[in-house]
Amino acid sequence: DDLGMETATAWAREKLYQILNYRYNARLATVITVTNPALESLDARLRSRLMDPRISNVVPIGAPDYRGQDKRAPRSPRGR
């Protein structure tokens, strides 16, 4: 969730690359959420794995950001 938004150590970045690279090479499904600014700031090695048009399916989600809102605020019912 929100890949690239956290500050990570060199060790953590390398481990993340190793995991994603393994899954990329094995053609395993992986679901990742990322914002556009975070995607652009990712390490080029990670970005190349995530954005490979031969195996990636990018699905833009146009939902509003609810973070920071009062959790007690009523929301409209979904589909009701």
PDB file of N, CA and C in Angstrom:
ATOM      1  N   ASP A   1       0.845  -1.181   0.000  1.00  0.00           N
ATOM      2  CA  ASP A   1       0.000   0.000   0.000  1.00  0.00           C
ATOM      3  C   ASP A   1       0.892   1.246   0.000  1.00  0.00           C
ATOM      4  N   ASP A   2       0.617   2.142  -0.893  1.00  0.00           N
ATOM      5  CA  ASP A   2       1.364   3.398  -1.015  1.00  0.00           C
ATOM      6  C   ASP A   2       2.866   3.184  -1.150  1.00  0.00           C
ATOM      7  N   LEU A   3       3.231   2.306  -2.033  1.00  0.00           N
ATOM      8  CA  LEU A   3       4.641   2.040  -2.299  1.00  0.00           C
ATOM      9  C   LEU A   3       5.351   3.332  -2.664  1.00  0.00           C
ATOM     10  N   GLY A   4       6.493   3.555  -2.062  1.00  0.00           N
ATOM     11  CA  GLY A   4       7.287   4.730  -2.374  1.00  0.00           C
ATOM     12  C   GLY A   4       7.020   5.924  -1.481  1.00  0.00           C
ATOM     13  N   MET A   5       5.971   5.866  -0.666  1.00  0.00           N
ATOM     14  CA  MET A   5       5.650   6.999   0.197  1.00  0.00           C
ATOM     15  C   MET A   5       6.436   6.963   1.505  1.00  0.00           C
ATOM     16  N   GLU A   6       6.969   5.819   1.854  1.00  0.00           N
ATOM     17  CA  GLU A   6       7.704   5.687   3.100  1.00  0.00           C
ATOM     18  C   GLU A   6       9.184   5.985   2.867  1.00  0.00           C
ATOM     19  N   THR A   7       9.856   6.388   3.926  1.00  0.00           N
ATOM     20  CA  THR A   7      11.305   6.515   3.830  1.00  0.00           C
ATOM     21  C   THR A   7      11.880   5.184   4.272  1.00  0.00           C
ATOM     22  N   ALA A   8      12.722   4.616   3.457  1.00  0.00           N
ATOM     23  CA  ALA A   8      13.242   3.283   3.733  1.00  0.00           C
ATOM     24  C   ALA A   8      14.762   3.306   3.720  1.00  0.00           C
ATOM     25  N   THR A   9      15.321   2.373   4.454  1.00  0.00           N
ATOM     26  CA  THR A   9      16.775   2.222   4.456  1.00  0.00           C
ATOM     27  C   THR A   9      17.210   1.562   3.154  1.00  0.00           C
ATOM     28  N   ALA A  10      18.484   1.617   2.880  1.00  0.00           N
ATOM     29  CA  ALA A  10      19.021   0.961   1.682  1.00  0.00           C
ATOM     30  C   ALA A  10      18.725  -0.533   1.735  1.00  0.00           C
ATOM     31  N   TRP A  11      18.805  -1.131   2.925  1.00  0.00           N
ATOM     32  CA  TRP A  11      18.529  -2.558   3.083  1.00  0.00           C
ATOM     33  C   TRP A  11      17.074  -2.852   2.711  1.00  0.00           C
ATOM     34  N   ALA A  12      16.138  -2.035   3.206  1.00  0.00           N
ATOM     35  CA  ALA A  12      14.713  -2.248   2.921  1.00  0.00           C
ATOM     36  C   ALA A  12      14.422  -2.069   1.437  1.00  0.00           C
ATOM     37  N   ARG A  13      15.026  -1.060   0.804  1.00  0.00           N
ATOM     38  CA  ARG A  13      14.827  -0.861  -0.636  1.00  0.00           C
ATOM     39  C   ARG A  13      15.353  -2.048  -1.432  1.00  0.00           C
ATOM     40  N   GLU A  14      16.500  -2.588  -1.027  1.00  0.00           N
ATOM     41  CA  GLU A  14      17.067  -3.746  -1.730  1.00  0.00           C
ATOM     42  C   GLU A  14      16.181  -4.973  -1.552  1.00  0.00           C
ATOM     43  N   LYS A  15      15.674  -5.194  -0.340  1.00  0.00           N
ATOM     44  CA  LYS A  15      14.781  -6.337  -0.097  1.00  0.00           C
ATOM     45  C   LYS A  15      13.505  -6.208  -0.921  1.00  0.00           C
ATOM     46  N   LEU A  16      12.944  -5.010  -0.983  1.00  0.00           N
ATOM     47  CA  LEU A  16      11.747  -4.779  -1.788  1.00  0.00           C
ATOM     48  C   LEU A  16      12.033  -5.092  -3.251  1.00  0.00           C
ATOM     49  N   TYR A  17      13.171  -4.630  -3.753  1.00  0.00           N
ATOM     50  CA  TYR A  17      13.540  -4.925  -5.139  1.00  0.00           C
ATOM     51  C   TYR A  17      13.682  -6.434  -5.345  1.00  0.00           C
ATOM     52  N   GLN A  18      14.326  -7.131  -4.417  1.00  0.00           N
ATOM     53  CA  GLN A  18      14.505  -8.581  -4.556  1.00  0.00           C
ATOM     54  C   GLN A  18      13.160  -9.299  -4.627  1.00  0.00           C
ATOM     55  N   ILE A  19      12.227  -8.897  -3.778  1.00  0.00           N
ATOM     56  CA  ILE A  19      10.898  -9.525  -3.775  1.00  0.00           C
ATOM     57  C   ILE A  19      10.171  -9.246  -5.089  1.00  0.00           C
ATOM     58  N   LEU A  20      10.128  -7.973  -5.488  1.00  0.00           N
ATOM     59  CA  LEU A  20       9.427  -7.632  -6.729  1.00  0.00           C
ATOM     60  C   LEU A  20      10.103  -8.242  -7.947  1.00  0.00           C
ATOM     61  N   ASN A  21      11.416  -8.281  -7.958  1.00  0.00           N
ATOM     62  CA  ASN A  21      12.138  -8.873  -9.080  1.00  0.00           C
ATOM     63  C   ASN A  21      11.847 -10.372  -9.184  1.00  0.00           C
ATOM     64  N   TYR A  22      11.819 -11.059  -8.047  1.00  0.00           N
ATOM     65  CA  TYR A  22      11.491 -12.492  -8.045  1.00  0.00           C
ATOM     66  C   TYR A  22      10.092 -12.711  -8.616  1.00  0.00           C
ATOM     67  N   ARG A  23       9.127 -11.930  -8.120  1.00  0.00           N
ATOM     68  CA  ARG A  23       7.747 -12.083  -8.575  1.00  0.00           C
ATOM     69  C   ARG A  23       7.614 -11.717 -10.053  1.00  0.00           C
ATOM     70  N   TYR A  24       8.346 -10.709 -10.493  1.00  0.00           N
ATOM     71  CA  TYR A  24       8.351 -10.294 -11.902  1.00  0.00           C
ATOM     72  C   TYR A  24       8.877 -11.429 -12.778  1.00  0.00           C
ATOM     73  N   ASN A  25      10.028 -11.974 -12.414  1.00  0.00           N
ATOM     74  CA  ASN A  25      10.639 -13.048 -13.211  1.00  0.00           C
ATOM     75  C   ASN A  25       9.799 -14.315 -13.222  1.00  0.00           C
ATOM     76  N   ALA A  26       9.103 -14.588 -12.108  1.00  0.00           N
ATOM     77  CA  ALA A  26       8.258 -15.781 -12.009  1.00  0.00           C
ATOM     78  C   ALA A  26       6.855 -15.527 -12.570  1.00  0.00           C
ATOM     79  N   ARG A  27       6.599 -14.302 -13.018  1.00  0.00           N
ATOM     80  CA  ARG A  27       5.295 -13.909 -13.572  1.00  0.00           C
ATOM     81  C   ARG A  27       4.163 -14.143 -12.559  1.00  0.00           C
ATOM     82  N   LEU A  28       4.434 -13.826 -11.296  1.00  0.00           N
ATOM     83  CA  LEU A  28       3.441 -13.978 -10.234  1.00  0.00           C
ATOM     84  C   LEU A  28       2.629 -12.698 -10.099  1.00  0.00           C
ATOM     85  N   ALA A  29       1.352 -12.851  -9.845  1.00  0.00           N
ATOM     86  CA  ALA A  29       0.477 -11.686  -9.669  1.00  0.00           C
ATOM     87  C   ALA A  29       0.859 -10.934  -8.400  1.00  0.00           C
ATOM     88  N   THR A  30       0.892  -9.626  -8.493  1.00  0.00           N
ATOM     89  CA  THR A  30       1.223  -8.773  -7.356  1.00  0.00           C
ATOM     90  C   THR A  30       0.372  -7.517  -7.456  1.00  0.00           C
ATOM     91  N   VAL A  31      -0.324  -7.183  -6.378  1.00  0.00           N
ATOM     92  CA  VAL A  31      -1.152  -5.978  -6.357  1.00  0.00           C
ATOM     93  C   VAL A  31      -0.422  -4.924  -5.532  1.00  0.00           C
ATOM     94  N   ILE A  32      -0.245  -3.756  -6.136  1.00  0.00           N
ATOM     95  CA  ILE A  32       0.474  -2.667  -5.478  1.00  0.00           C
ATOM     96  C   ILE A  32      -0.318  -1.390  -5.684  1.00  0.00           C
ATOM     97  N   THR A  33      -0.427  -0.580  -4.625  1.00  0.00           N
ATOM     98  CA  THR A  33      -1.030   0.737  -4.797  1.00  0.00           C
ATOM     99  C   THR A  33       0.064   1.777  -4.681  1.00  0.00           C
ATOM    100  N   VAL A  34      -0.038   2.781  -5.529  1.00  0.00           N
ATOM    101  CA  VAL A  34       0.979   3.834  -5.536  1.00  0.00           C
ATOM    102  C   VAL A  34       0.363   5.093  -6.130  1.00  0.00           C
ATOM    103  N   THR A  35       0.771   6.243  -5.628  1.00  0.00           N
ATOM    104  CA  THR A  35       0.315   7.503  -6.204  1.00  0.00           C
ATOM    105  C   THR A  35       1.279   7.920  -7.306  1.00  0.00           C
ATOM    106  N   ASN A  36       0.833   8.749  -8.217  1.00  0.00           N
ATOM    107  CA  ASN A  36       1.695   9.172  -9.321  1.00  0.00           C
ATOM    108  C   ASN A  36       3.012   9.787  -8.866  1.00  0.00           C
ATOM    109  N   PRO A  37       3.010  10.746  -7.917  1.00  0.00           N
ATOM    110  CA  PRO A  37       4.300  11.312  -7.499  1.00  0.00           C
ATOM    111  C   PRO A  37       5.229  10.260  -6.904  1.00  0.00           C
ATOM    112  N   ALA A  38       4.663   9.308  -6.155  1.00  0.00           N
ATOM    113  CA  ALA A  38       5.493   8.261  -5.564  1.00  0.00           C
ATOM    114  C   ALA A  38       6.073   7.365  -6.646  1.00  0.00           C
ATOM    115  N   LEU A  39       5.295   7.057  -7.654  1.00  0.00           N
ATOM    116  CA  LEU A  39       5.765   6.204  -8.744  1.00  0.00           C
ATOM    117  C   LEU A  39       6.942   6.845  -9.461  1.00  0.00           C
ATOM    118  N   GLU A  40       6.849   8.132  -9.704  1.00  0.00           N
ATOM    119  CA  GLU A  40       7.924   8.831 -10.401  1.00  0.00           C
ATOM    120  C   GLU A  40       9.199   8.898  -9.577  1.00  0.00           C
ATOM    121  N   SER A  41       9.086   8.830  -8.256  1.00  0.00           N
ATOM    122  CA  SER A  41      10.268   8.924  -7.406  1.00  0.00           C
ATOM    123  C   SER A  41      10.864   7.559  -7.065  1.00  0.00           C
ATOM    124  N   LEU A  42      10.238   6.486  -7.522  1.00  0.00           N
ATOM    125  CA  LEU A  42      10.765   5.150  -7.238  1.00  0.00           C
ATOM    126  C   LEU A  42      12.089   4.915  -7.953  1.00  0.00           C
ATOM    127  N   ASP A  43      12.873   4.041  -7.389  1.00  0.00           N
ATOM    128  CA  ASP A  43      14.111   3.594  -8.014  1.00  0.00           C
ATOM    129  C   ASP A  43      13.798   3.066  -9.415  1.00  0.00           C
ATOM    130  N   ALA A  44      14.651   3.375 -10.364  1.00  0.00           N
ATOM    131  CA  ALA A  44      14.418   2.981 -11.763  1.00  0.00           C
ATOM    132  C   ALA A  44      14.262   1.474 -11.916  1.00  0.00           C
ATOM    133  N   ARG A  45      14.991   0.689 -11.109  1.00  0.00           N
ATOM    134  CA  ARG A  45      14.862  -0.780 -11.200  1.00  0.00           C
ATOM    135  C   ARG A  45      13.461  -1.223 -10.829  1.00  0.00           C
ATOM    136  N   LEU A  46      12.905  -0.653  -9.756  1.00  0.00           N
ATOM    137  CA  LEU A  46      11.540  -1.004  -9.337  1.00  0.00           C
ATOM    138  C   LEU A  46      10.525  -0.536 -10.368  1.00  0.00           C
ATOM    139  N   ARG A  47      10.677   0.699 -10.804  1.00  0.00           N
ATOM    140  CA  ARG A  47       9.733   1.263 -11.766  1.00  0.00           C
ATOM    141  C   ARG A  47       9.691   0.434 -13.046  1.00  0.00           C
ATOM    142  N   SER A  48      10.848  -0.055 -13.495  1.00  0.00           N
ATOM    143  CA  SER A  48      10.878  -0.858 -14.725  1.00  0.00           C
ATOM    144  C   SER A  48      10.107  -2.161 -14.558  1.00  0.00           C
ATOM    145  N   ARG A  49      10.136  -2.736 -13.367  1.00  0.00           N
ATOM    146  CA  ARG A  49       9.393  -3.973 -13.103  1.00  0.00           C
ATOM    147  C   ARG A  49       7.897  -3.709 -13.007  1.00  0.00           C
ATOM    148  N   LEU A  50       7.547  -2.604 -12.372  1.00  0.00           N
ATOM    149  CA  LEU A  50       6.133  -2.292 -12.151  1.00  0.00           C
ATOM    150  C   LEU A  50       5.425  -1.801 -13.403  1.00  0.00           C
ATOM    151  N   MET A  51       6.143  -1.163 -14.295  1.00  0.00           N
ATOM    152  CA  MET A  51       5.517  -0.524 -15.449  1.00  0.00           C
ATOM    153  C   MET A  51       5.761  -1.258 -16.764  1.00  0.00           C
ATOM    154  N   ASP A  52       6.260  -2.469 -16.728  1.00  0.00           N
ATOM    155  CA  ASP A  52       6.516  -3.235 -17.952  1.00  0.00           C
ATOM    156  C   ASP A  52       5.184  -3.531 -18.636  1.00  0.00           C
ATOM    157  N   PRO A  53       4.927  -2.944 -19.801  1.00  0.00           N
ATOM    158  CA  PRO A  53       3.621  -3.116 -20.449  1.00  0.00           C
ATOM    159  C   PRO A  53       3.338  -4.543 -20.900  1.00  0.00           C
ATOM    160  N   ARG A  54       4.368  -5.378 -20.976  1.00  0.00           N
ATOM    161  CA  ARG A  54       4.143  -6.769 -21.386  1.00  0.00           C
ATOM    162  C   ARG A  54       3.442  -7.574 -20.307  1.00  0.00           C
ATOM    163  N   ILE A  55       3.634  -7.194 -19.042  1.00  0.00           N
ATOM    164  CA  ILE A  55       3.039  -7.995 -17.965  1.00  0.00           C
ATOM    165  C   ILE A  55       2.277  -7.172 -16.931  1.00  0.00           C
ATOM    166  N   SER A  56       2.314  -5.859 -17.025  1.00  0.00           N
ATOM    167  CA  SER A  56       1.643  -5.013 -16.036  1.00  0.00           C
ATOM    168  C   SER A  56       0.283  -4.563 -16.534  1.00  0.00           C
ATOM    169  N   ASN A  57      -0.620  -4.431 -15.598  1.00  0.00           N
ATOM    170  CA  ASN A  57      -1.942  -3.898 -15.891  1.00  0.00           C
ATOM    171  C   ASN A  57      -2.201  -2.782 -14.887  1.00  0.00           C
ATOM    172  N   VAL A  58      -2.041  -1.549 -15.315  1.00  0.00           N
ATOM    173  CA  VAL A  58      -2.234  -0.401 -14.438  1.00  0.00           C
ATOM    174  C   VAL A  58      -3.709  -0.029 -14.451  1.00  0.00           C
ATOM    175  N   VAL A  59      -4.288   0.062 -13.259  1.00  0.00           N
ATOM    176  CA  VAL A  59      -5.703   0.399 -13.124  1.00  0.00           C
ATOM    177  C   VAL A  59      -5.811   1.692 -12.319  1.00  0.00           C
ATOM    178  N   PRO A  60      -6.084   2.810 -12.981  1.00  0.00           N
ATOM    179  CA  PRO A  60      -6.248   4.068 -12.242  1.00  0.00           C
ATOM    180  C   PRO A  60      -7.509   4.014 -11.381  1.00  0.00           C
ATOM    181  N   ILE A  61      -7.398   4.481 -10.157  1.00  0.00           N
ATOM    182  CA  ILE A  61      -8.534   4.511  -9.242  1.00  0.00           C
ATOM    183  C   ILE A  61      -8.817   5.972  -8.921  1.00  0.00           C
ATOM    184  N   GLY A  62      -9.990   6.433  -9.277  1.00  0.00           N
ATOM    185  CA  GLY A  62     -10.345   7.834  -9.080  1.00  0.00           C
ATOM    186  C   GLY A  62     -11.131   8.086  -7.815  1.00  0.00           C
ATOM    187  N   ALA A  63     -10.800   7.412  -6.744  1.00  0.00           N
ATOM    188  CA  ALA A  63     -11.522   7.584  -5.484  1.00  0.00           C
ATOM    189  C   ALA A  63     -10.917   8.735  -4.685  1.00  0.00           C
ATOM    190  N   PRO A  64     -11.744   9.426  -3.901  1.00  0.00           N
ATOM    191  CA  PRO A  64     -11.209  10.508  -3.072  1.00  0.00           C
ATOM    192  C   PRO A  64     -10.356   9.957  -1.932  1.00  0.00           C
ATOM    193  N   ASP A  65      -9.473  10.775  -1.419  1.00  0.00           N
ATOM    194  CA  ASP A  65      -8.606  10.404  -0.301  1.00  0.00           C
ATOM    195  C   ASP A  65      -9.345  10.696   1.001  1.00  0.00           C
ATOM    196  N   TYR A  66      -9.614   9.662   1.787  1.00  0.00           N
ATOM    197  CA  TYR A  66     -10.342   9.823   3.041  1.00  0.00           C
ATOM    198  C   TYR A  66      -9.424   9.969   4.246  1.00  0.00           C
ATOM    199  N   ARG A  67      -8.119   9.851   4.038  1.00  0.00           N
ATOM    200  CA  ARG A  67      -7.200   9.962   5.172  1.00  0.00           C
ATOM    201  C   ARG A  67      -7.300  11.347   5.794  1.00  0.00           C
ATOM    202  N   GLY A  68      -7.246  11.382   7.105  1.00  0.00           N
ATOM    203  CA  GLY A  68      -7.283  12.647   7.812  1.00  0.00           C
ATOM    204  C   GLY A  68      -8.676  13.167   8.088  1.00  0.00           C
ATOM    205  N   GLN A  69      -9.690  12.496   7.588  1.00  0.00           N
ATOM    206  CA  GLN A  69     -11.060  12.931   7.849  1.00  0.00           C
ATOM    207  C   GLN A  69     -11.549  12.322   9.154  1.00  0.00           C
ATOM    208  N   ASP A  70     -12.538  12.964   9.745  1.00  0.00           N
ATOM    209  CA  ASP A  70     -13.137  12.464  10.977  1.00  0.00           C
ATOM    210  C   ASP A  70     -13.787  11.115  10.699  1.00  0.00           C
ATOM    211  N   LYS A  71     -13.326  10.082  11.387  1.00  0.00           N
ATOM    212  CA  LYS A  71     -13.830   8.727  11.148  1.00  0.00           C
ATOM    213  C   LYS A  71     -15.286   8.569  11.586  1.00  0.00           C
ATOM    214  N   ARG A  72     -15.780   9.481  12.414  1.00  0.00           N
ATOM    215  CA  ARG A  72     -17.169   9.399  12.867  1.00  0.00           C
ATOM    216  C   ARG A  72     -18.125  10.079  11.906  1.00  0.00           C
ATOM    217  N   ALA A  73     -17.594  10.778  10.927  1.00  0.00           N
ATOM    218  CA  ALA A  73     -18.459  11.480   9.967  1.00  0.00           C
ATOM    219  C   ALA A  73     -19.250  10.456   9.167  1.00  0.00           C
ATOM    220  N   PRO A  74     -20.555  10.673   9.021  1.00  0.00           N
ATOM    221  CA  PRO A  74     -21.376   9.704   8.277  1.00  0.00           C
ATOM    222  C   PRO A  74     -21.015   9.696   6.796  1.00  0.00           C
ATOM    223  N   ARG A  75     -21.032   8.523   6.243  1.00  0.00           N
ATOM    224  CA  ARG A  75     -20.802   8.352   4.810  1.00  0.00           C
ATOM    225  C   ARG A  75     -22.094   7.863   4.177  1.00  0.00           C
ATOM    226  N   SER A  76     -22.262   8.174   2.933  1.00  0.00           N
ATOM    227  CA  SER A  76     -23.463   7.696   2.252  1.00  0.00           C
ATOM    228  C   SER A  76     -23.356   6.190   2.056  1.00  0.00           C
ATOM    229  N   PRO A  77     -24.492   5.482   2.181  1.00  0.00           N
ATOM    230  CA  PRO A  77     -24.474   4.021   2.006  1.00  0.00           C
ATOM    231  C   PRO A  77     -24.068   3.652   0.587  1.00  0.00           C
ATOM    232  N   ARG A  78     -23.385   2.550   0.464  1.00  0.00           N
ATOM    233  CA  ARG A  78     -22.940   2.075  -0.845  1.00  0.00           C
ATOM    234  C   ARG A  78     -24.061   1.314  -1.526  1.00  0.00           C
ATOM    235  N   GLY A  79     -24.498   1.826  -2.629  1.00  0.00           N
ATOM    236  CA  GLY A  79     -25.459   1.105  -3.454  1.00  0.00           C
ATOM    237  C   GLY A  79     -26.776   0.787  -2.790  1.00  0.00           C
ATOM    238  N   ARG A  80     -27.137   1.514  -1.774  1.00  0.00           N
ATOM    239  CA  ARG A  80     -28.400   1.227  -1.083  1.00  0.00           C
ATOM    240  C   ARG A  80     -29.378   2.323  -1.286  1.00  0.00           C
TER     241      ARG A  80
END
